C-alpha atoms as a PDB file:
ATOM      1  CA  MET A   1     -86.996   3.888 153.935  1.00  0.00           C
ATOM      2  CA  ILE A   2     -85.483   2.039 156.868  1.00  0.00           C
ATOM      3  CA  SER A   3     -87.490   1.887 160.078  1.00  0.00           C
ATOM      4  CA  HIS A   4     -86.285   0.588 163.404  1.00  0.00           C
ATOM      5  CA  PRO A   5     -88.138   0.812 166.738  1.00  0.00           C
ATOM      6  CA  LEU A   6     -85.842   1.649 169.638  1.00  0.00           C
ATOM      7  CA  TYR A   7     -87.713   1.506 172.943  1.00  0.00           C
ATOM      8  CA  VAL A   8     -91.317   1.293 174.045  1.00  0.00           C
ATOM      9  CA  ASN A   9     -92.753   3.228 177.022  1.00  0.00           C
ATOM     10  CA  TRP A  10     -89.699   5.241 178.017  1.00  0.00           C
ATOM     11  CA  MET A  11     -89.297   8.847 179.061  1.00  0.00           C
ATOM     12  CA  PHE A  12     -86.884  11.616 178.050  1.00  0.00           C
ATOM     13  CA  LEU A  13     -85.018  11.879 181.323  1.00  0.00           C
ATOM     14  CA  GLU A  14     -81.494  11.562 179.986  1.00  0.00           C
ATOM     15  CA  LYS A  15     -79.554  11.787 176.739  1.00  0.00           C
ATOM     16  CA  TYR A  16     -79.459   8.628 174.606  1.00  0.00           C
ATOM     17  CA  THR A  17     -77.070   7.723 171.799  1.00  0.00           C
ATOM     18  CA  TYR A  18     -78.024   5.041 169.290  1.00  0.00           C
ATOM     19  CA  PRO A  19     -75.505   3.552 166.885  1.00  0.00           C
ATOM     20  CA  PHE A  20     -76.732   3.052 163.337  1.00  0.00           C
ATOM     21  CA  GLU A  21     -75.280   1.904 160.051  1.00  0.00           C
ATOM     22  CA  PHE A  22     -76.348   2.302 156.433  1.00  0.00           C
ATOM     23  CA  SER A  23     -75.466  -1.244 155.423  1.00  0.00           C
ATOM     24  CA  THR A  24     -78.274  -1.734 152.885  1.00  0.00           C
ATOM     25  CA  VAL A  25     -78.477   1.809 151.481  1.00  0.00           C
ATOM     26  CA  GLU A  26     -76.511   2.659 148.349  1.00  0.00           C
ATOM     27  CA  MET A  27     -75.085   6.181 148.132  1.00  0.00           C
ATOM     28  CA  PRO A  28     -73.228   6.201 144.799  1.00  0.00           C
ATOM     29  CA  TYR A  29     -72.981   9.988 144.382  1.00  0.00           C
ATOM     30  CA  GLU A  30     -71.277  12.807 146.231  1.00  0.00           C
ATOM     31  CA  THR A  31     -73.439  15.472 147.763  1.00  0.00           C
ATOM     32  CA  TYR A  32     -73.647  18.502 145.489  1.00  0.00           C
ATOM     33  CA  ASN A  33     -75.134  21.971 145.810  1.00  0.00           C
ATOM     34  CA  GLY A  34     -75.221  23.776 142.463  1.00  0.00           C
ATOM     35  CA  VAL A  35     -77.195  26.518 140.747  1.00  0.00           C
ATOM     36  CA  ASN A  36     -79.809  24.256 139.142  1.00  0.00           C
ATOM     37  CA  VAL A  37     -79.646  21.049 141.159  1.00  0.00           C
ATOM     38  CA  ARG A  38     -78.987  19.889 144.702  1.00  0.00           C
ATOM     39  CA  LEU A  39     -78.119  16.316 145.662  1.00  0.00           C
ATOM     40  CA  ARG A  40     -77.980  15.457 149.333  1.00  0.00           C
ATOM     41  CA  TYR A  41     -78.543  12.596 151.708  1.00  0.00           C
ATOM     42  CA  VAL A  42     -80.830  13.238 154.663  1.00  0.00           C
ATOM     43  CA  LEU A  43     -81.324  11.303 157.868  1.00  0.00           C
ATOM     44  CA  LYS A  44     -84.864  11.734 159.199  1.00  0.00           C
ATOM     45  CA  VAL A  45     -85.547  10.777 162.810  1.00  0.00           C
ATOM     46  CA  THR A  46     -89.128  10.657 164.061  1.00  0.00           C
ATOM     47  CA  VAL A  47     -89.894  10.193 167.747  1.00  0.00           C
ATOM     48  CA  THR A  48     -93.553   9.310 168.242  1.00  0.00           C
ATOM     49  CA  LEU A  49     -95.041  10.289 171.581  1.00  0.00           C
ATOM     50  CA  GLY A  50     -98.393   8.899 172.635  1.00  0.00           C
ATOM     51  CA  TYR A  51     -99.636  12.038 174.353  1.00  0.00           C
ATOM     52  CA  ALA A  52     -97.977  14.923 172.474  1.00  0.00           C
ATOM     53  CA  GLY A  53     -97.642  13.943 168.819  1.00  0.00           C
ATOM     54  CA  SER A  54     -94.291  13.492 167.097  1.00  0.00           C
ATOM     55  CA  ILE A  55     -90.864  15.083 167.146  1.00  0.00           C
ATOM     56  CA  ILE A  56     -89.177  15.088 163.733  1.00  0.00           C
ATOM     57  CA  GLU A  57     -85.497  15.926 163.220  1.00  0.00           C
ATOM     58  CA  TYR A  58     -83.627  16.170 159.896  1.00  0.00           C
ATOM     59  CA  GLN A  59     -79.868  15.958 159.542  1.00  0.00           C
ATOM     60  CA  ASP A  60     -77.957  16.518 156.294  1.00  0.00           C
ATOM     61  CA  PHE A  61     -74.711  14.687 155.892  1.00  0.00           C
ATOM     62  CA  VAL A  62     -72.033  14.809 153.253  1.00  0.00           C
ATOM     63  CA  GLN A  63     -70.528  11.950 151.327  1.00  0.00           C
ATOM     64  CA  LEU A  64     -67.242  12.709 149.578  1.00  0.00           C
ATOM     65  CA  LEU A  65     -65.819  10.134 147.236  1.00  0.00           C
ATOM     66  CA  SER A  66     -62.108  10.029 146.523  1.00  0.00           C
ATOM     67  CA  PRO A  67     -61.287  11.132 142.979  1.00  0.00           C
ATOM     68  CA  PRO A  68     -60.007   8.480 140.595  1.00  0.00           C
ATOM     69  CA  SER A  69     -56.276   8.381 140.234  1.00  0.00           C
ATOM     70  CA  ILE A  70     -55.620   9.081 136.559  1.00  0.00           C
ATOM     71  CA  ASN A  71     -51.971   9.252 135.649  1.00  0.00           C
ATOM     72  CA  ASN A  72     -51.737   9.415 131.853  1.00  0.00           C
ATOM     73  CA  SER A  73     -48.539  10.001 129.939  1.00  0.00           C
ATOM     74  CA  ILE A  74     -47.634  13.480 128.643  1.00  0.00           C
ATOM     75  CA  LYS A  75     -45.812  14.295 125.401  1.00  0.00           C
ATOM     76  CA  MET A  76     -44.415  17.783 124.679  1.00  0.00           C
ATOM     77  CA  GLU A  77     -42.571  19.136 121.663  1.00  0.00           C
ATOM     78  CA  VAL A  78     -40.349  22.225 121.753  1.00  0.00           C
ATOM     79  CA  GLY A  79     -38.205  23.646 119.015  1.00  0.00           C
ATOM     80  CA  ILE A  80     -37.079  26.314 116.599  1.00  0.00           C
ATOM     81  CA  GLU A  81     -38.384  25.974 113.063  1.00  0.00           C
ATOM     82  CA  GLU A  82     -35.980  24.003 110.806  1.00  0.00           C
ATOM     83  CA  CYS A  83     -33.210  24.259 113.385  1.00  0.00           C
ATOM     84  CA  LEU A  84     -33.899  22.447 116.648  1.00  0.00           C
ATOM     85  CA  HIS A  85     -36.585  19.979 117.650  1.00  0.00           C
ATOM     86  CA  ILE A  86     -36.883  18.441 121.132  1.00  0.00           C
ATOM     87  CA  GLU A  87     -39.553  15.979 122.265  1.00  0.00           C
ATOM     88  CA  PHE A  88     -40.295  15.256 125.915  1.00  0.00           C
ATOM     89  CA  GLU A  89     -42.335  12.229 126.899  1.00  0.00           C
ATOM     90  CA  TYR A  90     -43.240  11.496 130.504  1.00  0.00           C
ATOM     91  CA  ASN A  91     -44.897   8.205 131.363  1.00  0.00           C
ATOM     92  CA  LYS A  92     -46.867   9.884 134.169  1.00  0.00           C
ATOM     93  CA  SER A  93     -48.688  13.194 134.497  1.00  0.00           C
ATOM     94  CA  LYS A  94     -48.071  13.232 138.266  1.00  0.00           C
ATOM     95  CA  CYS A  95     -44.603  12.820 139.727  1.00  0.00           C
ATOM     96  CA  ASP A  96     -43.441  12.071 143.221  1.00  0.00           C
ATOM     97  CA  TYR A  97     -40.149  13.940 143.223  1.00  0.00           C
ATOM     98  CA  TRP A  98     -38.638  11.776 145.947  1.00  0.00           C
ATOM     99  CA  LYS A  99     -39.372   8.484 144.158  1.00  0.00           C
ATOM    100  CA  ASP A 100     -39.478   9.194 140.426  1.00  0.00           C
ATOM    101  CA  ILE A 101     -36.433   9.664 138.207  1.00  0.00           C
ATOM    102  CA  LEU A 102     -36.531  11.630 134.973  1.00  0.00           C
ATOM    103  CA  SER A 103     -34.524  10.127 132.136  1.00  0.00           C
ATOM    104  CA  SER A 104     -33.737  11.377 128.649  1.00  0.00           C
ATOM    105  CA  SER A 105     -32.497   9.978 125.369  1.00  0.00           C
ATOM    106  CA  LYS A 106     -30.858  11.554 122.323  1.00  0.00           C
ATOM    107  CA  ASN A 107     -31.902  10.559 118.792  1.00  0.00           C
END
């Protein structure tokens, strides 16, 4: 839990915005909402008032991680039994059609 006092002896007369940063908190997982489990990160803000108790506010937020870029090679074989046999081998599973060139060889 991270705690940070903001102001002492002030009144709610106008709207305030406070910048914050999670520099020491690790969030290694994406948020997930499934059938059996729910993983989420929650920001809890508590405003303590001397005369009227506390105001507590919860805010969910989502962390999306970028998927790893896996680009394995693909090998395919096509043919007619005892007549024709063709093998295709691509060095990448994802192609950028404007940058990549397909090449072939005959054996």
